[in-house]
Amino acid sequence: MQKVLDRVTANPKFHEFIAMRSRYSIIMAIVSAAAYYGFILLVAYNKEFLAAKVSAGSVMSVGVPIGVGVILFTIVLTWIYVHRANTEFDATNEAIIKEAQK
């Protein structure tokens, strides 16, 4: 088992894979955090905009759909990451392990 692990960690494809996966994870985390922090900054600095009504006779303010949008956006980002992890990342990982077991 240790020999396979040594071969995997010595494989340049493994290092490329780890770097690519880490970059992707960091980008997704930054985009998700930007959405949340952007909403919080909007709450902190532009309350009037968020308090505005959606339409003339509406009870709902603009902040509600924006807040729901932020939550839905991060759910979609999570789904995108999980989909890529379960397809591309897993396939690459399996290929590297198979190559090391030869």
PDB file of N, CA and C in Angstrom:
ATOM      1  N   MET A   1       0.825  -1.201   0.000  1.00  0.00           N
ATOM      2  CA  MET A   1       0.000   0.000   0.000  1.00  0.00           C
ATOM      3  C   MET A   1       0.868   1.264   0.000  1.00  0.00           C
ATOM      4  N   GLN A   2       1.937   1.240   0.766  1.00  0.00           N
ATOM      5  CA  GLN A   2       2.830   2.405   0.844  1.00  0.00           C
ATOM      6  C   GLN A   2       3.492   2.674  -0.506  1.00  0.00           C
ATOM      7  N   LYS A   3       3.789   1.606  -1.262  1.00  0.00           N
ATOM      8  CA  LYS A   3       4.417   1.786  -2.574  1.00  0.00           C
ATOM      9  C   LYS A   3       3.470   2.518  -3.526  1.00  0.00           C
ATOM     10  N   VAL A   4       2.191   2.154  -3.478  1.00  0.00           N
ATOM     11  CA  VAL A   4       1.206   2.820  -4.335  1.00  0.00           C
ATOM     12  C   VAL A   4       1.102   4.287  -3.936  1.00  0.00           C
ATOM     13  N   LEU A   5       1.041   4.534  -2.645  1.00  0.00           N
ATOM     14  CA  LEU A   5       0.970   5.915  -2.155  1.00  0.00           C
ATOM     15  C   LEU A   5       2.197   6.717  -2.588  1.00  0.00           C
ATOM     16  N   ASP A   6       3.369   6.113  -2.500  1.00  0.00           N
ATOM     17  CA  ASP A   6       4.593   6.792  -2.933  1.00  0.00           C
ATOM     18  C   ASP A   6       4.567   7.089  -4.430  1.00  0.00           C
ATOM     19  N   ARG A   7       4.059   6.135  -5.214  1.00  0.00           N
ATOM     20  CA  ARG A   7       3.965   6.348  -6.665  1.00  0.00           C
ATOM     21  C   ARG A   7       2.953   7.443  -7.003  1.00  0.00           C
ATOM     22  N   VAL A   8       1.842   7.456  -6.270  1.00  0.00           N
ATOM     23  CA  VAL A   8       0.826   8.499  -6.509  1.00  0.00           C
ATOM     24  C   VAL A   8       1.410   9.865  -6.192  1.00  0.00           C
ATOM     25  N   THR A   9       2.034  10.008  -5.044  1.00  0.00           N
ATOM     26  CA  THR A   9       2.561  11.320  -4.646  1.00  0.00           C
ATOM     27  C   THR A   9       3.755  11.750  -5.494  1.00  0.00           C
ATOM     28  N   ALA A  10       4.420  10.795  -6.140  1.00  0.00           N
ATOM     29  CA  ALA A  10       5.544  11.143  -7.011  1.00  0.00           C
ATOM     30  C   ALA A  10       5.089  11.485  -8.433  1.00  0.00           C
ATOM     31  N   ASN A  11       3.847  11.181  -8.751  1.00  0.00           N
ATOM     32  CA  ASN A  11       3.326  11.391 -10.100  1.00  0.00           C
ATOM     33  C   ASN A  11       3.066  12.890 -10.339  1.00  0.00           C
ATOM     34  N   PRO A  12       3.640  13.459 -11.406  1.00  0.00           N
ATOM     35  CA  PRO A  12       3.398  14.879 -11.716  1.00  0.00           C
ATOM     36  C   PRO A  12       1.925  15.179 -12.010  1.00  0.00           C
ATOM     37  N   LYS A  13       1.205  14.179 -12.562  1.00  0.00           N
ATOM     38  CA  LYS A  13      -0.227  14.373 -12.818  1.00  0.00           C
ATOM     39  C   LYS A  13      -0.990  14.587 -11.510  1.00  0.00           C
ATOM     40  N   PHE A  14      -0.538  13.910 -10.456  1.00  0.00           N
ATOM     41  CA  PHE A  14      -1.173  14.064  -9.141  1.00  0.00           C
ATOM     42  C   PHE A  14      -1.005  15.493  -8.637  1.00  0.00           C
ATOM     43  N   HIS A  15       0.182  16.035  -8.783  1.00  0.00           N
ATOM     44  CA  HIS A  15       0.445  17.409  -8.323  1.00  0.00           C
ATOM     45  C   HIS A  15      -0.345  18.427  -9.151  1.00  0.00           C
ATOM     46  N   GLU A  16      -0.453  18.179 -10.444  1.00  0.00           N
ATOM     47  CA  GLU A  16      -1.274  19.058 -11.296  1.00  0.00           C
ATOM     48  C   GLU A  16      -2.742  18.982 -10.884  1.00  0.00           C
ATOM     49  N   PHE A  17      -3.201  17.770 -10.597  1.00  0.00           N
ATOM     50  CA  PHE A  17      -4.579  17.550 -10.181  1.00  0.00           C
ATOM     51  C   PHE A  17      -4.880  18.277  -8.867  1.00  0.00           C
ATOM     52  N   ILE A  18      -3.994  18.145  -7.907  1.00  0.00           N
ATOM     53  CA  ILE A  18      -4.185  18.799  -6.603  1.00  0.00           C
ATOM     54  C   ILE A  18      -4.197  20.315  -6.776  1.00  0.00           C
ATOM     55  N   ALA A  19      -3.295  20.837  -7.581  1.00  0.00           N
ATOM     56  CA  ALA A  19      -3.239  22.288  -7.803  1.00  0.00           C
ATOM     57  C   ALA A  19      -4.511  22.778  -8.494  1.00  0.00           C
ATOM     58  N   MET A  20      -4.971  22.042  -9.512  1.00  0.00           N
ATOM     59  CA  MET A  20      -6.177  22.435 -10.240  1.00  0.00           C
ATOM     60  C   MET A  20      -7.400  22.375  -9.329  1.00  0.00           C
ATOM     61  N   ARG A  21      -7.514  21.323  -8.542  1.00  0.00           N
ATOM     62  CA  ARG A  21      -8.656  21.172  -7.634  1.00  0.00           C
ATOM     63  C   ARG A  21      -8.641  22.244  -6.549  1.00  0.00           C
ATOM     64  N   SER A  22      -7.466  22.558  -6.040  1.00  0.00           N
ATOM     65  CA  SER A  22      -7.349  23.602  -5.016  1.00  0.00           C
ATOM     66  C   SER A  22      -7.716  24.970  -5.584  1.00  0.00           C
ATOM     67  N   ARG A  23      -7.223  25.271  -6.778  1.00  0.00           N
ATOM     68  CA  ARG A  23      -7.554  26.537  -7.434  1.00  0.00           C
ATOM     69  C   ARG A  23      -9.064  26.669  -7.630  1.00  0.00           C
ATOM     70  N   TYR A  24      -9.661  25.601  -8.109  1.00  0.00           N
ATOM     71  CA  TYR A  24     -11.105  25.604  -8.353  1.00  0.00           C
ATOM     72  C   TYR A  24     -11.875  25.811  -7.045  1.00  0.00           C
ATOM     73  N   SER A  25     -11.467  25.119  -5.996  1.00  0.00           N
ATOM     74  CA  SER A  25     -12.127  25.249  -4.698  1.00  0.00           C
ATOM     75  C   SER A  25     -12.006  26.666  -4.156  1.00  0.00           C
ATOM     76  N   ILE A  26     -10.832  27.247  -4.285  1.00  0.00           N
ATOM     77  CA  ILE A  26     -10.611  28.613  -3.790  1.00  0.00           C
ATOM     78  C   ILE A  26     -11.455  29.607  -4.572  1.00  0.00           C
ATOM     79  N   ILE A  27     -11.509  29.453  -5.881  1.00  0.00           N
ATOM     80  CA  ILE A  27     -12.318  30.359  -6.710  1.00  0.00           C
ATOM     81  C   ILE A  27     -13.790  30.255  -6.319  1.00  0.00           C
ATOM     82  N   MET A  28     -14.289  29.028  -6.171  1.00  0.00           N
ATOM     83  CA  MET A  28     -15.686  28.841  -5.792  1.00  0.00           C
ATOM     84  C   MET A  28     -15.965  29.433  -4.405  1.00  0.00           C
ATOM     85  N   ALA A  29     -15.048  29.268  -3.477  1.00  0.00           N
ATOM     86  CA  ALA A  29     -15.226  29.825  -2.129  1.00  0.00           C
ATOM     87  C   ALA A  29     -15.235  31.349  -2.167  1.00  0.00           C
ATOM     88  N   ILE A  30     -14.359  31.935  -2.968  1.00  0.00           N
ATOM     89  CA  ILE A  30     -14.303  33.398  -3.087  1.00  0.00           C
ATOM     90  C   ILE A  30     -15.587  33.939  -3.707  1.00  0.00           C
ATOM     91  N   VAL A  31     -16.072  33.282  -4.745  1.00  0.00           N
ATOM     92  CA  VAL A  31     -17.308  33.740  -5.388  1.00  0.00           C
ATOM     93  C   VAL A  31     -18.480  33.646  -4.408  1.00  0.00           C
ATOM     94  N   SER A  32     -18.546  32.547  -3.679  1.00  0.00           N
ATOM     95  CA  SER A  32     -19.616  32.366  -2.695  1.00  0.00           C
ATOM     96  C   SER A  32     -19.520  33.407  -1.578  1.00  0.00           C
ATOM     97  N   ALA A  33     -18.337  33.614  -1.056  1.00  0.00           N
ATOM     98  CA  ALA A  33     -18.142  34.613   0.010  1.00  0.00           C
ATOM     99  C   ALA A  33     -18.440  36.015  -0.499  1.00  0.00           C
ATOM    100  N   ALA A  34     -18.073  36.303  -1.744  1.00  0.00           N
ATOM    101  CA  ALA A  34     -18.352  37.628  -2.310  1.00  0.00           C
ATOM    102  C   ALA A  34     -19.855  37.878  -2.381  1.00  0.00           C
ATOM    103  N   ALA A  35     -20.620  36.850  -2.713  1.00  0.00           N
ATOM    104  CA  ALA A  35     -22.077  37.002  -2.761  1.00  0.00           C
ATOM    105  C   ALA A  35     -22.625  37.308  -1.372  1.00  0.00           C
ATOM    106  N   TYR A  36     -22.210  36.546  -0.377  1.00  0.00           N
ATOM    107  CA  TYR A  36     -22.695  36.779   0.984  1.00  0.00           C
ATOM    108  C   TYR A  36     -22.233  38.126   1.526  1.00  0.00           C
ATOM    109  N   TYR A  37     -20.936  38.403   1.417  1.00  0.00           N
ATOM    110  CA  TYR A  37     -20.417  39.665   1.949  1.00  0.00           C
ATOM    111  C   TYR A  37     -20.946  40.862   1.176  1.00  0.00           C
ATOM    112  N   GLY A  38     -21.164  40.681  -0.119  1.00  0.00           N
ATOM    113  CA  GLY A  38     -21.766  41.752  -0.906  1.00  0.00           C
ATOM    114  C   GLY A  38     -23.149  42.093  -0.393  1.00  0.00           C
ATOM    115  N   PHE A  39     -23.923  41.062  -0.063  1.00  0.00           N
ATOM    116  CA  PHE A  39     -25.261  41.296   0.482  1.00  0.00           C
ATOM    117  C   PHE A  39     -25.173  41.993   1.840  1.00  0.00           C
ATOM    118  N   ILE A  40     -24.263  41.551   2.685  1.00  0.00           N
ATOM    119  CA  ILE A  40     -24.093  42.168   4.003  1.00  0.00           C
ATOM    120  C   ILE A  40     -23.657  43.628   3.857  1.00  0.00           C
ATOM    121  N   LEU A  41     -22.768  43.909   2.922  1.00  0.00           N
ATOM    122  CA  LEU A  41     -22.353  45.298   2.684  1.00  0.00           C
ATOM    123  C   LEU A  41     -23.522  46.139   2.185  1.00  0.00           C
ATOM    124  N   LEU A  42     -24.352  45.537   1.371  1.00  0.00           N
ATOM    125  CA  LEU A  42     -25.547  46.231   0.898  1.00  0.00           C
ATOM    126  C   LEU A  42     -26.478  46.547   2.073  1.00  0.00           C
ATOM    127  N   VAL A  43     -26.621  45.605   2.980  1.00  0.00           N
ATOM    128  CA  VAL A  43     -27.439  45.825   4.184  1.00  0.00           C
ATOM    129  C   VAL A  43     -26.838  46.955   5.021  1.00  0.00           C
ATOM    130  N   ALA A  44     -25.521  46.955   5.144  1.00  0.00           N
ATOM    131  CA  ALA A  44     -24.862  47.940   6.002  1.00  0.00           C
ATOM    132  C   ALA A  44     -24.860  49.348   5.402  1.00  0.00           C
ATOM    133  N   TYR A  45     -24.698  49.447   4.093  1.00  0.00           N
ATOM    134  CA  TYR A  45     -24.483  50.761   3.491  1.00  0.00           C
ATOM    135  C   TYR A  45     -25.604  51.269   2.582  1.00  0.00           C
ATOM    136  N   ASN A  46     -26.577  50.436   2.273  1.00  0.00           N
ATOM    137  CA  ASN A  46     -27.649  50.919   1.396  1.00  0.00           C
ATOM    138  C   ASN A  46     -28.998  50.346   1.838  1.00  0.00           C
ATOM    139  N   LYS A  47     -29.341  50.611   3.077  1.00  0.00           N
ATOM    140  CA  LYS A  47     -30.595  50.111   3.642  1.00  0.00           C
ATOM    141  C   LYS A  47     -31.805  50.646   2.894  1.00  0.00           C
ATOM    142  N   GLU A  48     -31.704  51.862   2.402  1.00  0.00           N
ATOM    143  CA  GLU A  48     -32.835  52.475   1.698  1.00  0.00           C
ATOM    144  C   GLU A  48     -33.196  51.669   0.449  1.00  0.00           C
ATOM    145  N   PHE A  49     -32.188  51.232  -0.270  1.00  0.00           N
ATOM    146  CA  PHE A  49     -32.440  50.431  -1.476  1.00  0.00           C
ATOM    147  C   PHE A  49     -33.120  49.119  -1.108  1.00  0.00           C
ATOM    148  N   LEU A  50     -32.587  48.432  -0.103  1.00  0.00           N
ATOM    149  CA  LEU A  50     -33.155  47.148   0.292  1.00  0.00           C
ATOM    150  C   LEU A  50     -34.552  47.292   0.884  1.00  0.00           C
ATOM    151  N   ALA A  51     -34.833  48.426   1.500  1.00  0.00           N
ATOM    152  CA  ALA A  51     -36.146  48.656   2.115  1.00  0.00           C
ATOM    153  C   ALA A  51     -37.200  49.076   1.092  1.00  0.00           C
ATOM    154  N   ALA A  52     -36.776  49.456  -0.099  1.00  0.00           N
ATOM    155  CA  ALA A  52     -37.734  49.886  -1.128  1.00  0.00           C
ATOM    156  C   ALA A  52     -38.666  48.730  -1.475  1.00  0.00           C
ATOM    157  N   LYS A  53     -39.903  49.050  -1.744  1.00  0.00           N
ATOM    158  CA  LYS A  53     -40.897  48.030  -2.096  1.00  0.00           C
ATOM    159  C   LYS A  53     -40.663  47.539  -3.526  1.00  0.00           C
ATOM    160  N   VAL A  54     -40.978  46.280  -3.756  1.00  0.00           N
ATOM    161  CA  VAL A  54     -40.788  45.674  -5.071  1.00  0.00           C
ATOM    162  C   VAL A  54     -41.670  46.367  -6.109  1.00  0.00           C
ATOM    163  N   SER A  55     -42.907  46.647  -5.729  1.00  0.00           N
ATOM    164  CA  SER A  55     -43.823  47.382  -6.618  1.00  0.00           C
ATOM    165  C   SER A  55     -44.693  48.295  -5.760  1.00  0.00           C
ATOM    166  N   ALA A  56     -45.490  49.108  -6.395  1.00  0.00           N
ATOM    167  CA  ALA A  56     -46.260  50.133  -5.686  1.00  0.00           C
ATOM    168  C   ALA A  56     -47.149  49.564  -4.584  1.00  0.00           C
ATOM    169  N   GLY A  57     -47.893  48.529  -4.830  1.00  0.00           N
ATOM    170  CA  GLY A  57     -48.803  47.989  -3.822  1.00  0.00           C
ATOM    171  C   GLY A  57     -48.233  46.813  -3.054  1.00  0.00           C
ATOM    172  N   SER A  58     -46.976  46.541  -3.234  1.00  0.00           N
ATOM    173  CA  SER A  58     -46.355  45.357  -2.647  1.00  0.00           C
ATOM    174  C   SER A  58     -45.989  45.557  -1.181  1.00  0.00           C
ATOM    175  N   VAL A  59     -46.015  44.475  -0.452  1.00  0.00           N
ATOM    176  CA  VAL A  59     -45.591  44.478   0.941  1.00  0.00           C
ATOM    177  C   VAL A  59     -44.115  44.081   1.031  1.00  0.00           C
ATOM    178  N   MET A  60     -43.649  43.336   0.047  1.00  0.00           N
ATOM    179  CA  MET A  60     -42.281  42.820   0.065  1.00  0.00           C
ATOM    180  C   MET A  60     -41.276  43.880  -0.384  1.00  0.00           C
ATOM    181  N   SER A  61     -40.146  43.921   0.334  1.00  0.00           N
ATOM    182  CA  SER A  61     -39.083  44.855  -0.034  1.00  0.00           C
ATOM    183  C   SER A  61     -38.108  44.190  -0.996  1.00  0.00           C
ATOM    184  N   VAL A  62     -37.281  44.988  -1.615  1.00  0.00           N
ATOM    185  CA  VAL A  62     -36.288  44.507  -2.583  1.00  0.00           C
ATOM    186  C   VAL A  62     -35.292  43.553  -1.919  1.00  0.00           C
ATOM    187  N   GLY A  63     -35.029  43.738  -0.637  1.00  0.00           N
ATOM    188  CA  GLY A  63     -34.047  42.919   0.072  1.00  0.00           C
ATOM    189  C   GLY A  63     -34.396  41.449   0.142  1.00  0.00           C
ATOM    190  N   VAL A  64     -35.685  41.127   0.184  1.00  0.00           N
ATOM    191  CA  VAL A  64     -36.096  39.730   0.307  1.00  0.00           C
ATOM    192  C   VAL A  64     -35.703  38.919  -0.929  1.00  0.00           C
ATOM    193  N   PRO A  65     -36.082  39.335  -2.140  1.00  0.00           N
ATOM    194  CA  PRO A  65     -35.665  38.533  -3.296  1.00  0.00           C
ATOM    195  C   PRO A  65     -34.148  38.511  -3.488  1.00  0.00           C
ATOM    196  N   ILE A  66     -33.481  39.597  -3.131  1.00  0.00           N
ATOM    197  CA  ILE A  66     -32.013  39.598  -3.247  1.00  0.00           C
ATOM    198  C   ILE A  66     -31.421  38.594  -2.261  1.00  0.00           C
ATOM    199  N   GLY A  67     -31.921  38.579  -1.033  1.00  0.00           N
ATOM    200  CA  GLY A  67     -31.436  37.617  -0.032  1.00  0.00           C
ATOM    201  C   GLY A  67     -31.691  36.183  -0.459  1.00  0.00           C
ATOM    202  N   VAL A  68     -32.879  35.904  -0.959  1.00  0.00           N
ATOM    203  CA  VAL A  68     -33.195  34.559  -1.463  1.00  0.00           C
ATOM    204  C   VAL A  68     -32.290  34.230  -2.653  1.00  0.00           C
ATOM    205  N   GLY A  69     -32.034  35.223  -3.494  1.00  0.00           N
ATOM    206  CA  GLY A  69     -31.143  35.023  -4.638  1.00  0.00           C
ATOM    207  C   GLY A  69     -29.735  34.652  -4.220  1.00  0.00           C
ATOM    208  N   VAL A  70     -29.246  35.280  -3.172  1.00  0.00           N
ATOM    209  CA  VAL A  70     -27.904  34.956  -2.667  1.00  0.00           C
ATOM    210  C   VAL A  70     -27.864  33.514  -2.185  1.00  0.00           C
ATOM    211  N   ILE A  71     -28.887  33.108  -1.457  1.00  0.00           N
ATOM    212  CA  ILE A  71     -28.934  31.727  -0.964  1.00  0.00           C
ATOM    213  C   ILE A  71     -29.017  30.749  -2.130  1.00  0.00           C
ATOM    214  N   LEU A  72     -29.886  31.012  -3.086  1.00  0.00           N
ATOM    215  CA  LEU A  72     -30.003  30.133  -4.253  1.00  0.00           C
ATOM    216  C   LEU A  72     -28.715  30.094  -5.067  1.00  0.00           C
ATOM    217  N   PHE A  73     -28.059  31.243  -5.187  1.00  0.00           N
ATOM    218  CA  PHE A  73     -26.791  31.323  -5.916  1.00  0.00           C
ATOM    219  C   PHE A  73     -25.748  30.408  -5.288  1.00  0.00           C
ATOM    220  N   THR A  74     -25.648  30.427  -3.961  1.00  0.00           N
ATOM    221  CA  THR A  74     -24.641  29.589  -3.307  1.00  0.00           C
ATOM    222  C   THR A  74     -25.035  28.110  -3.364  1.00  0.00           C
ATOM    223  N   ILE A  75     -26.330  27.815  -3.369  1.00  0.00           N
ATOM    224  CA  ILE A  75     -26.762  26.420  -3.545  1.00  0.00           C
ATOM    225  C   ILE A  75     -26.357  25.932  -4.936  1.00  0.00           C
ATOM    226  N   VAL A  76     -26.559  26.759  -5.945  1.00  0.00           N
ATOM    227  CA  VAL A  76     -26.167  26.395  -7.316  1.00  0.00           C
ATOM    228  C   VAL A  76     -24.647  26.225  -7.410  1.00  0.00           C
ATOM    229  N   LEU A  77     -23.895  27.122  -6.784  1.00  0.00           N
ATOM    230  CA  LEU A  77     -22.428  26.977  -6.786  1.00  0.00           C
ATOM    231  C   LEU A  77     -22.011  25.659  -6.132  1.00  0.00           C
ATOM    232  N   THR A  78     -22.661  25.313  -5.035  1.00  0.00           N
ATOM    233  CA  THR A  78     -22.357  24.055  -4.358  1.00  0.00           C
ATOM    234  C   THR A  78     -22.664  22.878  -5.266  1.00  0.00           C
ATOM    235  N   TRP A  79     -23.813  22.920  -5.953  1.00  0.00           N
ATOM    236  CA  TRP A  79     -24.176  21.841  -6.866  1.00  0.00           C
ATOM    237  C   TRP A  79     -23.140  21.720  -7.987  1.00  0.00           C
ATOM    238  N   ILE A  80     -22.708  22.845  -8.524  1.00  0.00           N
ATOM    239  CA  ILE A  80     -21.705  22.831  -9.598  1.00  0.00           C
ATOM    240  C   ILE A  80     -20.414  22.180  -9.101  1.00  0.00           C
ATOM    241  N   TYR A  81     -19.976  22.553  -7.897  1.00  0.00           N
ATOM    242  CA  TYR A  81     -18.750  21.972  -7.356  1.00  0.00           C
ATOM    243  C   TYR A  81     -18.917  20.467  -7.138  1.00  0.00           C
ATOM    244  N   VAL A  82     -20.012  20.064  -6.521  1.00  0.00           N
ATOM    245  CA  VAL A  82     -20.239  18.642  -6.247  1.00  0.00           C
ATOM    246  C   VAL A  82     -20.317  17.847  -7.546  1.00  0.00           C
ATOM    247  N   HIS A  83     -20.989  18.389  -8.540  1.00  0.00           N
ATOM    248  CA  HIS A  83     -21.090  17.704  -9.841  1.00  0.00           C
ATOM    249  C   HIS A  83     -19.701  17.512 -10.451  1.00  0.00           C
ATOM    250  N   ARG A  84     -18.906  18.562 -10.431  1.00  0.00           N
ATOM    251  CA  ARG A  84     -17.553  18.452 -11.007  1.00  0.00           C
ATOM    252  C   ARG A  84     -16.694  17.499 -10.183  1.00  0.00           C
ATOM    253  N   ALA A  85     -16.828  17.549  -8.862  1.00  0.00           N
ATOM    254  CA  ALA A  85     -16.050  16.664  -7.999  1.00  0.00           C
ATOM    255  C   ALA A  85     -16.427  15.204  -8.228  1.00  0.00           C
ATOM    256  N   ASN A  86     -17.713  14.941  -8.406  1.00  0.00           N
ATOM    257  CA  ASN A  86     -18.168  13.560  -8.582  1.00  0.00           C
ATOM    258  C   ASN A  86     -17.918  13.018  -9.988  1.00  0.00           C
ATOM    259  N   THR A  87     -17.646  13.868 -10.928  1.00  0.00           N
ATOM    260  CA  THR A  87     -17.390  13.397 -12.293  1.00  0.00           C
ATOM    261  C   THR A  87     -15.906  13.551 -12.636  1.00  0.00           C
ATOM    262  N   GLU A  88     -15.503  14.753 -12.925  1.00  0.00           N
ATOM    263  CA  GLU A  88     -14.139  15.002 -13.397  1.00  0.00           C
ATOM    264  C   GLU A  88     -13.081  14.693 -12.338  1.00  0.00           C
ATOM    265  N   PHE A  89     -13.265  15.206 -11.110  1.00  0.00           N
ATOM    266  CA  PHE A  89     -12.250  15.019 -10.077  1.00  0.00           C
ATOM    267  C   PHE A  89     -12.109  13.541  -9.700  1.00  0.00           C
ATOM    268  N   ASP A  90     -13.232  12.855  -9.537  1.00  0.00           N
ATOM    269  CA  ASP A  90     -13.169  11.435  -9.190  1.00  0.00           C
ATOM    270  C   ASP A  90     -12.540  10.610 -10.302  1.00  0.00           C
ATOM    271  N   ALA A  91     -12.881  10.924 -11.540  1.00  0.00           N
ATOM    272  CA  ALA A  91     -12.305  10.185 -12.667  1.00  0.00           C
ATOM    273  C   ALA A  91     -10.793  10.394 -12.756  1.00  0.00           C
ATOM    274  N   THR A  92     -10.360  11.622 -12.577  1.00  0.00           N
ATOM    275  CA  THR A  92      -8.926  11.912 -12.603  1.00  0.00           C
ATOM    276  C   THR A  92      -8.218  11.210 -11.457  1.00  0.00           C
ATOM    277  N   ASN A  93      -8.820  11.244 -10.294  1.00  0.00           N
ATOM    278  CA  ASN A  93      -8.252  10.586  -9.120  1.00  0.00           C
ATOM    279  C   ASN A  93      -8.112   9.082  -9.347  1.00  0.00           C
ATOM    280  N   GLU A  94      -9.149   8.456  -9.874  1.00  0.00           N
ATOM    281  CA  GLU A  94      -9.102   7.015 -10.163  1.00  0.00           C
ATOM    282  C   GLU A  94      -8.035   6.680 -11.204  1.00  0.00           C
ATOM    283  N   ALA A  95      -7.908   7.516 -12.223  1.00  0.00           N
ATOM    284  CA  ALA A  95      -6.896   7.278 -13.260  1.00  0.00           C
ATOM    285  C   ALA A  95      -5.490   7.354 -12.680  1.00  0.00           C
ATOM    286  N   ILE A  96      -5.258   8.297 -11.809  1.00  0.00           N
ATOM    287  CA  ILE A  96      -3.930   8.429 -11.173  1.00  0.00           C
ATOM    288  C   ILE A  96      -3.633   7.223 -10.291  1.00  0.00           C
ATOM    289  N   ILE A  97      -4.632   6.759  -9.549  1.00  0.00           N
ATOM    290  CA  ILE A  97      -4.436   5.582  -8.691  1.00  0.00           C
ATOM    291  C   ILE A  97      -4.199   4.332  -9.522  1.00  0.00           C
ATOM    292  N   LYS A  98      -4.966   4.144 -10.598  1.00  0.00           N
ATOM    293  CA  LYS A  98      -4.771   2.972 -11.469  1.00  0.00           C
ATOM    294  C   LYS A  98      -3.363   2.987 -12.080  1.00  0.00           C
ATOM    295  N   GLU A  99      -2.937   4.159 -12.480  1.00  0.00           N
ATOM    296  CA  GLU A  99      -1.600   4.279 -13.059  1.00  0.00           C
ATOM    297  C   GLU A  99      -0.532   3.910 -12.035  1.00  0.00           C
ATOM    298  N   ALA A 100      -0.740   4.264 -10.788  1.00  0.00           N
ATOM    299  CA  ALA A 100       0.236   3.967  -9.739  1.00  0.00           C
ATOM    300  C   ALA A 100       0.229   2.493  -9.358  1.00  0.00           C
ATOM    301  N   GLN A 101      -0.882   1.804  -9.569  1.00  0.00           N
ATOM    302  CA  GLN A 101      -0.980   0.386  -9.194  1.00  0.00           C
ATOM    303  C   GLN A 101      -0.346  -0.556 -10.208  1.00  0.00           C
ATOM    304  N   LYS A 102      -0.001  -0.041 -11.376  1.00  0.00           N
ATOM    305  CA  LYS A 102       0.613  -0.874 -12.425  1.00  0.00           C
ATOM    306  C   LYS A 102       1.999  -1.297 -12.047  1.00  0.00           C
TER     307      LYS A 102
END
